[in-house]
Amino acid sequence: MNTLEDCINWLSTTLERFQLANDLCDSDLLQKLQSRLKKIQHLTQHVANKMDNIDDKVEDICAILFKLKRSGALLHSDTLFGKRCC
């Protein structure tokens, strides 16, 4: 009977160690995933900021074109990059 209890104890300890190892592995993978997601977030924010800058510059150009059109200096199409400016 002692051998059976030893076997059960060994199996229980082994399962606990296995679960701990899996938990540690999962934790490491989650940390790596979180790190990647942070990098993606920063990149996405950078792209969004650049797009906002482009939009602001296009609006500035449209304002200049509007002034030129009002002064009669602009005779060409008032569409810029597919965006109606005036």
PDB file of N, CA and C in Angstrom:
ATOM      1  N   MET A   1       0.821  -1.187   0.000  1.00  0.00           N
ATOM      2  CA  MET A   1       0.000   0.000   0.000  1.00  0.00           C
ATOM      3  C   MET A   1       0.866   1.252   0.000  1.00  0.00           C
ATOM      4  N   ASN A   2       2.007   1.183   0.634  1.00  0.00           N
ATOM      5  CA  ASN A   2       2.923   2.308   0.706  1.00  0.00           C
ATOM      6  C   ASN A   2       3.411   2.702  -0.688  1.00  0.00           C
ATOM      7  N   THR A   3       3.651   1.728  -1.538  1.00  0.00           N
ATOM      8  CA  THR A   3       4.124   1.987  -2.895  1.00  0.00           C
ATOM      9  C   THR A   3       3.058   2.726  -3.701  1.00  0.00           C
ATOM     10  N   LEU A   4       1.821   2.351  -3.519  1.00  0.00           N
ATOM     11  CA  LEU A   4       0.730   3.015  -4.224  1.00  0.00           C
ATOM     12  C   LEU A   4       0.615   4.477  -3.786  1.00  0.00           C
ATOM     13  N   GLU A   5       0.722   4.734  -2.495  1.00  0.00           N
ATOM     14  CA  GLU A   5       0.667   6.113  -1.996  1.00  0.00           C
ATOM     15  C   GLU A   5       1.847   6.927  -2.516  1.00  0.00           C
ATOM     16  N   ASP A   6       3.018   6.316  -2.550  1.00  0.00           N
ATOM     17  CA  ASP A   6       4.202   6.995  -3.090  1.00  0.00           C
ATOM     18  C   ASP A   6       3.988   7.365  -4.554  1.00  0.00           C
ATOM     19  N   CYS A   7       3.399   6.436  -5.279  1.00  0.00           N
ATOM     20  CA  CYS A   7       3.116   6.659  -6.701  1.00  0.00           C
ATOM     21  C   CYS A   7       2.124   7.808  -6.874  1.00  0.00           C
ATOM     22  N   ILE A   8       1.083   7.816  -6.063  1.00  0.00           N
ATOM     23  CA  ILE A   8       0.069   8.868  -6.135  1.00  0.00           C
ATOM     24  C   ILE A   8       0.686  10.215  -5.768  1.00  0.00           C
ATOM     25  N   ASN A   9       1.495  10.244  -4.727  1.00  0.00           N
ATOM     26  CA  ASN A   9       2.171  11.483  -4.323  1.00  0.00           C
ATOM     27  C   ASN A   9       3.105  11.985  -5.425  1.00  0.00           C
ATOM     28  N   TRP A  10       3.854  11.075  -6.017  1.00  0.00           N
ATOM     29  CA  TRP A  10       4.772  11.447  -7.104  1.00  0.00           C
ATOM     30  C   TRP A  10       3.987  12.026  -8.284  1.00  0.00           C
ATOM     31  N   LEU A  11       2.895  11.360  -8.637  1.00  0.00           N
ATOM     32  CA  LEU A  11       2.071  11.825  -9.748  1.00  0.00           C
ATOM     33  C   LEU A  11       1.469  13.196  -9.434  1.00  0.00           C
ATOM     34  N   SER A  12       1.001  13.392  -8.223  1.00  0.00           N
ATOM     35  CA  SER A  12       0.425  14.671  -7.818  1.00  0.00           C
ATOM     36  C   SER A  12       1.473  15.783  -7.884  1.00  0.00           C
ATOM     37  N   THR A  13       2.650  15.528  -7.373  1.00  0.00           N
ATOM     38  CA  THR A  13       3.739  16.510  -7.412  1.00  0.00           C
ATOM     39  C   THR A  13       4.139  16.826  -8.846  1.00  0.00           C
ATOM     40  N   THR A  14       4.217  15.803  -9.661  1.00  0.00           N
ATOM     41  CA  THR A  14       4.581  15.988 -11.066  1.00  0.00           C
ATOM     42  C   THR A  14       3.544  16.835 -11.791  1.00  0.00           C
ATOM     43  N   LEU A  15       2.271  16.572 -11.538  1.00  0.00           N
ATOM     44  CA  LEU A  15       1.211  17.371 -12.155  1.00  0.00           C
ATOM     45  C   LEU A  15       1.261  18.830 -11.693  1.00  0.00           C
ATOM     46  N   GLU A  16       1.530  19.054 -10.424  1.00  0.00           N
ATOM     47  CA  GLU A  16       1.643  20.421  -9.913  1.00  0.00           C
ATOM     48  C   GLU A  16       2.800  21.155 -10.580  1.00  0.00           C
ATOM     49  N   ARG A  17       3.926  20.482 -10.715  1.00  0.00           N
ATOM     50  CA  ARG A  17       5.086  21.096 -11.377  1.00  0.00           C
ATOM     51  C   ARG A  17       4.782  21.382 -12.845  1.00  0.00           C
ATOM     52  N   PHE A  18       4.095  20.452 -13.487  1.00  0.00           N
ATOM     53  CA  PHE A  18       3.733  20.635 -14.890  1.00  0.00           C
ATOM     54  C   PHE A  18       2.808  21.841 -15.048  1.00  0.00           C
ATOM     55  N   GLN A  19       1.818  21.946 -14.161  1.00  0.00           N
ATOM     56  CA  GLN A  19       0.894  23.085 -14.222  1.00  0.00           C
ATOM     57  C   GLN A  19       1.627  24.399 -13.961  1.00  0.00           C
ATOM     58  N   LEU A  20       2.555  24.394 -13.019  1.00  0.00           N
ATOM     59  CA  LEU A  20       3.339  25.588 -12.727  1.00  0.00           C
ATOM     60  C   LEU A  20       4.182  25.980 -13.938  1.00  0.00           C
ATOM     61  N   ALA A  21       4.813  24.995 -14.565  1.00  0.00           N
ATOM     62  CA  ALA A  21       5.619  25.270 -15.756  1.00  0.00           C
ATOM     63  C   ALA A  21       4.754  25.847 -16.872  1.00  0.00           C
ATOM     64  N   ASN A  22       3.571  25.294 -17.060  1.00  0.00           N
ATOM     65  CA  ASN A  22       2.652  25.820 -18.076  1.00  0.00           C
ATOM     66  C   ASN A  22       2.207  27.240 -17.740  1.00  0.00           C
ATOM     67  N   ASP A  23       1.914  27.480 -16.464  1.00  0.00           N
ATOM     68  CA  ASP A  23       1.511  28.823 -16.049  1.00  0.00           C
ATOM     69  C   ASP A  23       2.628  29.833 -16.303  1.00  0.00           C
ATOM     70  N   LEU A  24       3.867  29.450 -15.999  1.00  0.00           N
ATOM     71  CA  LEU A  24       5.003  30.339 -16.243  1.00  0.00           C
ATOM     72  C   LEU A  24       5.187  30.594 -17.734  1.00  0.00           C
ATOM     73  N   CYS A  25       5.022  29.559 -18.527  1.00  0.00           N
ATOM     74  CA  CYS A  25       5.133  29.694 -19.978  1.00  0.00           C
ATOM     75  C   CYS A  25       4.028  30.605 -20.506  1.00  0.00           C
ATOM     76  N   ASP A  26       2.812  30.402 -20.032  1.00  0.00           N
ATOM     77  CA  ASP A  26       1.687  31.246 -20.447  1.00  0.00           C
ATOM     78  C   ASP A  26       1.930  32.700 -20.056  1.00  0.00           C
ATOM     79  N   SER A  27       2.452  32.905 -18.862  1.00  0.00           N
ATOM     80  CA  SER A  27       2.735  34.257 -18.391  1.00  0.00           C
ATOM     81  C   SER A  27       3.774  34.928 -19.286  1.00  0.00           C
ATOM     82  N   ASP A  28       4.810  34.200 -19.649  1.00  0.00           N
ATOM     83  CA  ASP A  28       5.848  34.731 -20.535  1.00  0.00           C
ATOM     84  C   ASP A  28       5.265  35.076 -21.902  1.00  0.00           C
ATOM     85  N   LEU A  29       4.437  34.189 -22.429  1.00  0.00           N
ATOM     86  CA  LEU A  29       3.813  34.450 -23.729  1.00  0.00           C
ATOM     87  C   LEU A  29       2.891  35.666 -23.669  1.00  0.00           C
ATOM     88  N   LEU A  30       2.162  35.816 -22.580  1.00  0.00           N
ATOM     89  CA  LEU A  30       1.281  36.977 -22.426  1.00  0.00           C
ATOM     90  C   LEU A  30       2.081  38.277 -22.344  1.00  0.00           C
ATOM     91  N   GLN A  31       3.222  38.236 -21.662  1.00  0.00           N
ATOM     92  CA  GLN A  31       4.071  39.427 -21.585  1.00  0.00           C
ATOM     93  C   GLN A  31       4.618  39.791 -22.965  1.00  0.00           C
ATOM     94  N   LYS A  32       5.019  38.787 -23.739  1.00  0.00           N
ATOM     95  CA  LYS A  32       5.507  39.045 -25.097  1.00  0.00           C
ATOM     96  C   LYS A  32       4.393  39.612 -25.973  1.00  0.00           C
ATOM     97  N   LEU A  33       3.206  39.067 -25.839  1.00  0.00           N
ATOM     98  CA  LEU A  33       2.061  39.559 -26.604  1.00  0.00           C
ATOM     99  C   LEU A  33       1.739  41.002 -26.220  1.00  0.00           C
ATOM    100  N   GLN A  34       1.763  41.296 -24.939  1.00  0.00           N
ATOM    101  CA  GLN A  34       1.497  42.653 -24.476  1.00  0.00           C
ATOM    102  C   GLN A  34       2.546  43.621 -25.021  1.00  0.00           C
ATOM    103  N   SER A  35       3.787  43.208 -25.052  1.00  0.00           N
ATOM    104  CA  SER A  35       4.854  44.046 -25.599  1.00  0.00           C
ATOM    105  C   SER A  35       4.622  44.329 -27.080  1.00  0.00           C
ATOM    106  N   ARG A  36       4.249  43.308 -27.829  1.00  0.00           N
ATOM    107  CA  ARG A  36       3.966  43.490 -29.256  1.00  0.00           C
ATOM    108  C   ARG A  36       2.773  44.416 -29.466  1.00  0.00           C
ATOM    109  N   LEU A  37       1.744  44.253 -28.651  1.00  0.00           N
ATOM    110  CA  LEU A  37       0.563  45.107 -28.771  1.00  0.00           C
ATOM    111  C   LEU A  37       0.900  46.568 -28.472  1.00  0.00           C
ATOM    112  N   LYS A  38       1.787  46.799 -27.504  1.00  0.00           N
ATOM    113  CA  LYS A  38       2.210  48.170 -27.207  1.00  0.00           C
ATOM    114  C   LYS A  38       2.949  48.770 -28.396  1.00  0.00           C
ATOM    115  N   LYS A  39       3.810  47.973 -29.038  1.00  0.00           N
ATOM    116  CA  LYS A  39       4.531  48.461 -30.220  1.00  0.00           C
ATOM    117  C   LYS A  39       3.555  48.792 -31.342  1.00  0.00           C
ATOM    118  N   ILE A  40       2.559  47.932 -31.536  1.00  0.00           N
ATOM    119  CA  ILE A  40       1.550  48.181 -32.569  1.00  0.00           C
ATOM    120  C   ILE A  40       0.762  49.445 -32.231  1.00  0.00           C
ATOM    121  N   GLN A  41       0.432  49.629 -30.968  1.00  0.00           N
ATOM    122  CA  GLN A  41      -0.305  50.825 -30.554  1.00  0.00           C
ATOM    123  C   GLN A  41       0.507  52.079 -30.845  1.00  0.00           C
ATOM    124  N   HIS A  42       1.805  52.062 -30.515  1.00  0.00           N
ATOM    125  CA  HIS A  42       2.646  53.228 -30.769  1.00  0.00           C
ATOM    126  C   HIS A  42       2.762  53.502 -32.262  1.00  0.00           C
ATOM    127  N   LEU A  43       2.921  52.455 -33.050  1.00  0.00           N
ATOM    128  CA  LEU A  43       3.011  52.623 -34.500  1.00  0.00           C
ATOM    129  C   LEU A  43       1.700  53.175 -35.060  1.00  0.00           C
ATOM    130  N   THR A  44       0.594  52.648 -34.602  1.00  0.00           N
ATOM    131  CA  THR A  44      -0.712  53.117 -35.058  1.00  0.00           C
ATOM    132  C   THR A  44      -0.922  54.579 -34.679  1.00  0.00           C
ATOM    133  N   GLN A  45      -0.532  54.950 -33.477  1.00  0.00           N
ATOM    134  CA  GLN A  45      -0.658  56.342 -33.046  1.00  0.00           C
ATOM    135  C   GLN A  45       0.225  57.243 -33.896  1.00  0.00           C
ATOM    136  N   HIS A  46       1.434  56.786 -34.212  1.00  0.00           N
ATOM    137  CA  HIS A  46       2.349  57.553 -35.057  1.00  0.00           C
ATOM    138  C   HIS A  46       1.730  57.780 -36.439  1.00  0.00           C
ATOM    139  N   VAL A  47       1.171  56.731 -37.019  1.00  0.00           N
ATOM    140  CA  VAL A  47       0.536  56.844 -38.336  1.00  0.00           C
ATOM    141  C   VAL A  47      -0.658  57.796 -38.263  1.00  0.00           C
ATOM    142  N   ALA A  48      -1.452  57.681 -37.218  1.00  0.00           N
ATOM    143  CA  ALA A  48      -2.614  58.566 -37.065  1.00  0.00           C
ATOM    144  C   ALA A  48      -2.172  60.023 -36.962  1.00  0.00           C
ATOM    145  N   ASN A  49      -1.102  60.277 -36.213  1.00  0.00           N
ATOM    146  CA  ASN A  49      -0.589  61.644 -36.097  1.00  0.00           C
ATOM    147  C   ASN A  49      -0.113  62.168 -37.445  1.00  0.00           C
ATOM    148  N   LYS A  50       0.583  61.323 -38.193  1.00  0.00           N
ATOM    149  CA  LYS A  50       1.059  61.730 -39.524  1.00  0.00           C
ATOM    150  C   LYS A  50      -0.118  62.021 -40.449  1.00  0.00           C
ATOM    151  N   MET A  51      -1.155  61.204 -40.386  1.00  0.00           N
ATOM    152  CA  MET A  51      -2.338  61.435 -41.221  1.00  0.00           C
ATOM    153  C   MET A  51      -3.018  62.752 -40.837  1.00  0.00           C
ATOM    154  N   ASP A  52      -3.071  63.043 -39.543  1.00  0.00           N
ATOM    155  CA  ASP A  52      -3.634  64.321 -39.099  1.00  0.00           C
ATOM    156  C   ASP A  52      -2.812  65.486 -39.649  1.00  0.00           C
ATOM    157  N   ASN A  53      -1.470  65.326 -39.632  1.00  0.00           N
ATOM    158  CA  ASN A  53      -0.603  66.374 -40.174  1.00  0.00           C
ATOM    159  C   ASN A  53      -0.864  66.576 -41.661  1.00  0.00           C
ATOM    160  N   ILE A  54      -1.010  65.484 -42.392  1.00  0.00           N
ATOM    161  CA  ILE A  54      -1.293  65.576 -43.830  1.00  0.00           C
ATOM    162  C   ILE A  54      -2.628  66.281 -44.050  1.00  0.00           C
ATOM    163  N   ASP A  55      -3.632  65.900 -43.280  1.00  0.00           N
ATOM    164  CA  ASP A  55      -4.951  66.522 -43.414  1.00  0.00           C
ATOM    165  C   ASP A  55      -4.875  68.021 -43.132  1.00  0.00           C
ATOM    166  N   ASP A  56      -4.125  68.400 -42.099  1.00  0.00           N
ATOM    167  CA  ASP A  56      -3.969  69.822 -41.780  1.00  0.00           C
ATOM    168  C   ASP A  56      -3.301  70.570 -42.929  1.00  0.00           C
ATOM    169  N   LYS A  57      -2.276  69.952 -43.514  1.00  0.00           N
ATOM    170  CA  LYS A  57      -1.575  70.600 -44.624  1.00  0.00           C
ATOM    171  C   LYS A  57      -2.473  70.735 -45.846  1.00  0.00           C
ATOM    172  N   VAL A  58      -3.272  69.726 -46.122  1.00  0.00           N
ATOM    173  CA  VAL A  58      -4.211  69.807 -47.249  1.00  0.00           C
ATOM    174  C   VAL A  58      -5.225  70.922 -46.995  1.00  0.00           C
ATOM    175  N   GLU A  59      -5.702  71.032 -45.764  1.00  0.00           N
ATOM    176  CA  GLU A  59      -6.632  72.117 -45.430  1.00  0.00           C
ATOM    177  C   GLU A  59      -5.969  73.478 -45.616  1.00  0.00           C
ATOM    178  N   ASP A  60      -4.691  73.595 -45.242  1.00  0.00           N
ATOM    179  CA  ASP A  60      -3.964  74.853 -45.446  1.00  0.00           C
ATOM    180  C   ASP A  60      -3.858  75.177 -46.930  1.00  0.00           C
ATOM    181  N   ILE A  61      -3.552  74.174 -47.733  1.00  0.00           N
ATOM    182  CA  ILE A  61      -3.454  74.372 -49.181  1.00  0.00           C
ATOM    183  C   ILE A  61      -4.812  74.784 -49.740  1.00  0.00           C
ATOM    184  N   CYS A  62      -5.856  74.139 -49.265  1.00  0.00           N
ATOM    185  CA  CYS A  62      -7.209  74.492 -49.722  1.00  0.00           C
ATOM    186  C   CYS A  62      -7.551  75.934 -49.361  1.00  0.00           C
ATOM    187  N   ALA A  63      -7.140  76.371 -48.183  1.00  0.00           N
ATOM    188  CA  ALA A  63      -7.399  77.758 -47.781  1.00  0.00           C
ATOM    189  C   ALA A  63      -6.671  78.722 -48.708  1.00  0.00           C
ATOM    190  N   ILE A  64      -5.435  78.392 -49.053  1.00  0.00           N
ATOM    191  CA  ILE A  64      -4.670  79.228 -49.985  1.00  0.00           C
ATOM    192  C   ILE A  64      -5.339  79.237 -51.351  1.00  0.00           C
ATOM    193  N   LEU A  65      -5.761  78.069 -51.818  1.00  0.00           N
ATOM    194  CA  LEU A  65      -6.434  77.992 -53.120  1.00  0.00           C
ATOM    195  C   LEU A  65      -7.741  78.783 -53.111  1.00  0.00           C
ATOM    196  N   PHE A  66      -8.452  78.743 -52.001  1.00  0.00           N
ATOM    197  CA  PHE A  66      -9.699  79.499 -51.894  1.00  0.00           C
ATOM    198  C   PHE A  66      -9.429  80.999 -52.021  1.00  0.00           C
ATOM    199  N   LYS A  67      -8.369  81.459 -51.334  1.00  0.00           N
ATOM    200  CA  LYS A  67      -8.006  82.878 -51.417  1.00  0.00           C
ATOM    201  C   LYS A  67      -7.612  83.250 -52.844  1.00  0.00           C
ATOM    202  N   LEU A  68      -6.851  82.355 -53.493  1.00  0.00           N
ATOM    203  CA  LEU A  68      -6.442  82.620 -54.872  1.00  0.00           C
ATOM    204  C   LEU A  68      -7.658  82.643 -55.796  1.00  0.00           C
ATOM    205  N   LYS A  69      -8.580  81.740 -55.565  1.00  0.00           N
ATOM    206  CA  LYS A  69      -9.785  81.685 -56.399  1.00  0.00           C
ATOM    207  C   LYS A  69     -10.605  82.960 -56.224  1.00  0.00           C
ATOM    208  N   ARG A  70     -10.734  83.407 -54.999  1.00  0.00           N
ATOM    209  CA  ARG A  70     -11.495  84.635 -54.732  1.00  0.00           C
ATOM    210  C   ARG A  70     -10.835  85.844 -55.376  1.00  0.00           C
ATOM    211  N   SER A  71      -9.501  85.808 -55.438  1.00  0.00           N
ATOM    212  CA  SER A  71      -8.808  86.950 -56.038  1.00  0.00           C
ATOM    213  C   SER A  71      -8.775  86.855 -57.560  1.00  0.00           C
ATOM    214  N   GLY A  72      -9.259  85.741 -58.098  1.00  0.00           N
ATOM    215  CA  GLY A  72      -9.292  85.561 -59.544  1.00  0.00           C
ATOM    216  C   GLY A  72      -8.004  85.020 -60.116  1.00  0.00           C
ATOM    217  N   ALA A  73      -7.050  84.676 -59.265  1.00  0.00           N
ATOM    218  CA  ALA A  73      -5.755  84.195 -59.744  1.00  0.00           C
ATOM    219  C   ALA A  73      -5.786  82.708 -60.076  1.00  0.00           C
ATOM    220  N   LEU A  74      -6.793  81.986 -59.630  1.00  0.00           N
ATOM    221  CA  LEU A  74      -6.858  80.539 -59.857  1.00  0.00           C
ATOM    222  C   LEU A  74      -7.895  80.250 -60.932  1.00  0.00           C
ATOM    223  N   LEU A  75      -7.438  79.690 -62.038  1.00  0.00           N
ATOM    224  CA  LEU A  75      -8.334  79.388 -63.144  1.00  0.00           C
ATOM    225  C   LEU A  75      -8.538  77.890 -63.327  1.00  0.00           C
ATOM    226  N   HIS A  76      -7.719  77.097 -62.687  1.00  0.00           N
ATOM    227  CA  HIS A  76      -7.784  75.642 -62.841  1.00  0.00           C
ATOM    228  C   HIS A  76      -8.803  75.040 -61.881  1.00  0.00           C
ATOM    229  N   SER A  77      -8.903  73.729 -61.934  1.00  0.00           N
ATOM    230  CA  SER A  77      -9.837  73.005 -61.080  1.00  0.00           C
ATOM    231  C   SER A  77      -9.558  73.306 -59.617  1.00  0.00           C
ATOM    232  N   ASP A  78     -10.604  73.372 -58.837  1.00  0.00           N
ATOM    233  CA  ASP A  78     -10.451  73.638 -57.407  1.00  0.00           C
ATOM    234  C   ASP A  78     -10.489  72.357 -56.583  1.00  0.00           C
ATOM    235  N   THR A  79     -10.165  71.245 -57.201  1.00  0.00           N
ATOM    236  CA  THR A  79     -10.115  69.970 -56.503  1.00  0.00           C
ATOM    237  C   THR A  79      -8.662  69.589 -56.283  1.00  0.00           C
ATOM    238  N   LEU A  80      -8.338  69.210 -55.055  1.00  0.00           N
ATOM    239  CA  LEU A  80      -6.971  68.834 -54.716  1.00  0.00           C
ATOM    240  C   LEU A  80      -6.993  67.450 -54.080  1.00  0.00           C
ATOM    241  N   PHE A  81      -6.296  66.526 -54.695  1.00  0.00           N
ATOM    242  CA  PHE A  81      -6.186  65.158 -54.183  1.00  0.00           C
ATOM    243  C   PHE A  81      -7.559  64.534 -53.959  1.00  0.00           C
ATOM    244  N   GLY A  82      -8.479  64.830 -54.841  1.00  0.00           N
ATOM    245  CA  GLY A  82      -9.813  64.256 -54.728  1.00  0.00           C
ATOM    246  C   GLY A  82     -10.673  64.913 -53.668  1.00  0.00           C
ATOM    247  N   LYS A  83     -10.159  65.985 -53.072  1.00  0.00           N
ATOM    248  CA  LYS A  83     -10.890  66.670 -52.012  1.00  0.00           C
ATOM    249  C   LYS A  83     -11.278  68.052 -52.533  1.00  0.00           C
ATOM    250  N   ARG A  84     -12.530  68.356 -52.492  1.00  0.00           N
ATOM    251  CA  ARG A  84     -12.990  69.665 -52.973  1.00  0.00           C
ATOM    252  C   ARG A  84     -12.548  70.717 -51.966  1.00  0.00           C
ATOM    253  N   CYS A  85     -11.795  71.680 -52.463  1.00  0.00           N
ATOM    254  CA  CYS A  85     -11.193  72.659 -51.560  1.00  0.00           C
ATOM    255  C   CYS A  85     -12.010  73.934 -51.426  1.00  0.00           C
ATOM    256  N   CYS A  86     -12.670  74.335 -52.462  1.00  0.00           N
ATOM    257  CA  CYS A  86     -13.307  75.657 -52.423  1.00  0.00           C
ATOM    258  C   CYS A  86     -14.809  75.538 -52.596  1.00  0.00           C
TER     259      CYS A  86
END
